[in-house]
């Protein structure tokens, strides 16, 4: 079965569901509408017993370039609550999905896209994929769960260096650091992900998900608190001179001139 959406693709291949971010012209930048569609697709997975594993991937040459800075919610009077009700809902739905979630990272994963990749259970990347935090480049702090997920994936010091310098992390380096489960030639990414998804789909789904629940025990509330805290700090940061300059420079495709304010 194939469900129709505007910003994502969703299809079932036997017991495997494939959710594909589908805004390739923006390197799959995240929007409120896209996140709503991701949540809807995950709700469908929850209600469909025949689906027993899920692959999250993206169309085109990039996995996800992060949040679309031009995109705003219909009601922006309380941006923190708007993002919690949309973005957090989608991210948490991936982290707590009824079935195992494999993330197949086909290209650059930047900012919030880096965070999105880390929400999965098993991460496989194409060799050409790269990961970059981006946030400090525009005078902001990491958000969408970055400060929670990344240090747990690669350690505090390595995470801080990536967050402070914006140095890109190659797929090969990410594999060595233990952030990825596998790194494969680009043309083998989806076949590898599908092969693993089919293998997991034949397994004892309830036991697999109870295993994840035990590994994550106590983390869900902490993840939600951190997600909200990041957004609250980000709201204050957006009014600071460096953040205004950083965002303007990003949109104008020039180097930012920070003053430290």
Foldseek 3Di string as FASTA:
>chain_A
DWDDDDQWTWDDDFQEIEIAGEPQVQLSADALRSLQVLLVVLVVQQVDVRHAEYEYAYDDQFGYAYHDPVHDDPDVPPVLVSCCVGLVSNLVSQLQGLHAYEYQGQAEQEQLSLVSQQSHDAYEYEQRHKYWNCAVQLQAAGASQLVPRVCVQQHDVVSVCRRNPRDIATPVNSVVSRNHPYYHHNVCRVVVVVVVRVVSSPDDSVVVSVVSCVVCPPPPVVSSVRNSVRVVRRVVRCPDPSNVQSVVCVVVVHGGDDDPD
